[in-house]
Amino acid sequence: MALMKKKGIRKVEIPSGSMADIAFLLLIFFMVATTIDTDKGIGLILPPEGDSPIEIAKKNITTIVIDPMGNVLIDNKEVDIKRIKGISESLLLGNPKMIFSVKAHPRCRYDKYVAVLDQLKQANATRISIAE
């Protein structure tokens, strides 16, 4: 009688020696292939540094104030943010040299501030002053 060898169950292993290389190559591939979305921000043209202040007539300035609660005042009259576009368009029709001075309280919400600037941009206001 011949001795019979038992066939043992082979353990199957996945070679993990090159896993680090594959992970590294995948990382590089996705870094190169991915586009990064950059924020455009608020497009404002700032005056050059060192210019002396220019004296502007009071009739050419409209003051817009944003209080801490998010209320908007145009020349000390409270208005809704959605009405700023119409008001500023009518002011620009009467005076094309109108400058809108936007003053925001330090504790006002940023989205209110951006909404006011958006309304002015929609009204084609090109002269916007951001005051402290």
Protein backbone atom coordinates (compact mmCIF):
# COMPACT_ATOMS: atom_id res chain seq x y z
CA MET A 1 0.00 0.00 0.00
CA ALA A 2 1.33 3.20 -1.06
CA LEU A 3 1.39 6.06 1.24
CA MET A 4 -1.00 8.70 0.13
CA LYS A 5 -0.11 12.26 0.60
CA LYS A 6 -2.83 14.48 1.78
CA LYS A 7 -3.39 17.37 -0.45
CA GLY A 8 -3.22 20.40 1.75
CA ILE A 9 -5.37 23.42 1.22
CA ARG A 10 -3.31 26.15 -0.24
CA LYS A 11 -3.66 29.60 1.21
CA VAL A 12 -4.22 32.22 -1.45
CA GLU A 13 -2.61 35.55 -0.84
CA ILE A 14 -2.71 38.74 -2.82
CA PRO A 15 0.77 40.09 -3.20
CA SER A 16 0.87 43.34 -1.31
CA GLY A 17 4.40 44.35 -2.14
CA SER A 18 3.36 46.75 -4.88
CA MET A 19 0.21 48.16 -3.21
CA ALA A 20 2.05 51.27 -2.08
CA ASP A 21 3.26 51.89 -5.63
CA ILE A 22 -0.25 51.51 -7.04
CA ALA A 23 -1.71 53.86 -4.41
CA PHE A 24 0.99 56.42 -5.14
CA LEU A 25 0.35 56.25 -8.92
CA LEU A 26 -3.40 56.61 -8.40
CA LEU A 27 -2.82 59.61 -6.16
CA ILE A 28 -0.63 61.30 -8.77
CA PHE A 29 -3.14 60.50 -11.53
CA PHE A 30 -6.05 62.10 -9.67
CA MET A 31 -3.99 65.13 -8.69
CA VAL A 32 -3.05 65.74 -12.33
CA ALA A 33 -6.46 64.92 -13.82
CA THR A 34 -8.58 66.94 -11.37
CA THR A 35 -9.45 70.54 -12.08
CA ILE A 36 -9.47 72.88 -9.13
CA ASP A 37 -12.35 75.33 -9.03
CA THR A 38 -11.11 78.74 -7.98
CA ASP A 39 -13.38 81.44 -6.63
CA LYS A 40 -13.47 84.57 -8.70
CA GLY A 41 -14.30 86.79 -5.74
CA ILE A 42 -15.71 90.26 -6.02
CA GLY A 43 -14.31 92.06 -9.03
CA LEU A 44 -13.36 95.54 -7.88
CA ILE A 45 -10.84 97.92 -9.36
CA LEU A 46 -8.89 99.62 -6.62
CA PRO A 47 -7.27 103.03 -7.06
CA PRO A 48 -3.48 103.17 -7.20
CA GLU A 49 -1.67 103.68 -3.92
CA GLY A 50 -0.37 107.08 -3.02
CA ASP A 51 -3.04 109.09 -4.82
CA SER A 52 -4.22 112.12 -2.93
CA PRO A 53 -7.88 112.14 -1.88
CA ILE A 54 -10.25 113.72 -4.38
CA GLU A 55 -12.89 116.13 -3.15
CA ILE A 56 -16.35 115.00 -4.28
CA ALA A 57 -19.55 117.03 -4.10
CA LYS A 58 -22.15 115.74 -1.62
CA LYS A 59 -24.80 115.57 -4.36
CA ASN A 60 -22.71 112.88 -6.12
CA ILE A 61 -22.57 110.54 -3.10
CA THR A 62 -25.26 108.12 -1.92
CA THR A 63 -24.53 106.45 1.39
CA ILE A 64 -25.65 102.87 1.94
CA VAL A 65 -25.33 101.61 5.51
CA ILE A 66 -25.77 97.99 6.65
CA ASP A 67 -26.42 97.67 10.39
CA PRO A 68 -25.60 94.61 12.56
CA MET A 69 -29.13 93.21 12.11
CA GLY A 70 -28.81 93.25 8.29
CA ASN A 71 -31.08 96.26 7.74
CA VAL A 72 -30.06 98.47 4.82
CA LEU A 73 -30.32 102.26 4.92
CA ILE A 74 -29.96 104.39 1.81
CA ASP A 75 -29.43 108.02 2.82
CA ASN A 76 -30.90 107.22 6.28
CA LYS A 77 -34.07 105.60 4.83
CA GLU A 78 -34.57 101.88 5.45
CA VAL A 79 -35.09 99.86 2.26
CA ASP A 80 -35.36 96.20 1.34
CA ILE A 81 -32.27 94.71 -0.29
CA LYS A 82 -34.27 93.72 -3.38
CA ARG A 83 -35.23 97.36 -3.98
CA ILE A 84 -31.63 98.61 -4.08
CA LYS A 85 -31.29 97.87 -7.80
CA GLY A 86 -34.32 99.98 -8.75
CA ILE A 87 -33.37 102.84 -6.44
CA SER A 88 -29.78 102.93 -7.65
CA GLU A 89 -30.87 102.78 -11.32
CA SER A 90 -33.13 105.81 -10.80
CA LEU A 91 -30.33 107.66 -8.99
CA LEU A 92 -27.94 106.89 -11.85
CA LEU A 93 -30.46 108.19 -14.41
CA GLY A 94 -30.63 111.48 -12.53
CA ASN A 95 -26.87 111.70 -11.98
CA PRO A 96 -24.53 109.47 -14.03
CA LYS A 97 -21.58 110.49 -11.80
CA MET A 98 -23.25 109.02 -8.69
CA ILE A 99 -20.92 107.25 -6.26
CA PHE A 100 -22.40 104.67 -3.90
CA SER A 101 -20.59 104.55 -0.55
CA VAL A 102 -21.27 101.20 1.17
CA LYS A 103 -20.62 101.13 4.92
CA ALA A 104 -21.13 97.85 6.76
CA HIS A 105 -21.09 97.32 10.50
CA PRO A 106 -18.34 94.88 11.56
CA ARG A 107 -20.96 92.46 12.94
CA CYS A 108 -23.26 92.44 9.91
CA ARG A 109 -23.60 89.18 8.03
CA TYR A 110 -21.36 88.81 5.02
CA ASP A 111 -24.17 87.54 2.77
CA LYS A 112 -26.10 90.80 3.30
CA TYR A 113 -23.00 92.78 2.34
CA VAL A 114 -22.48 90.75 -0.83
CA ALA A 115 -26.21 91.02 -1.68
CA VAL A 116 -25.98 94.82 -1.53
CA LEU A 117 -22.91 94.83 -3.78
CA ASP A 118 -24.67 92.43 -6.19
CA GLN A 119 -27.68 94.73 -6.41
CA LEU A 120 -25.42 97.69 -7.20
CA LYS A 121 -23.60 95.69 -9.89
CA GLN A 122 -26.94 94.64 -11.44
CA ALA A 123 -27.90 98.30 -11.61
CA ASN A 124 -24.68 98.95 -13.60
CA ALA A 125 -23.19 101.09 -10.85
CA THR A 126 -19.52 101.45 -11.70
CA ARG A 127 -18.54 103.82 -8.90
CA ILE A 128 -18.80 101.97 -5.62
CA SER A 129 -16.87 103.05 -2.55
CA ILE A 130 -16.33 100.58 0.26
CA ALA A 131 -16.07 102.61 3.46
CA GLU A 132 -15.02 101.57 6.93
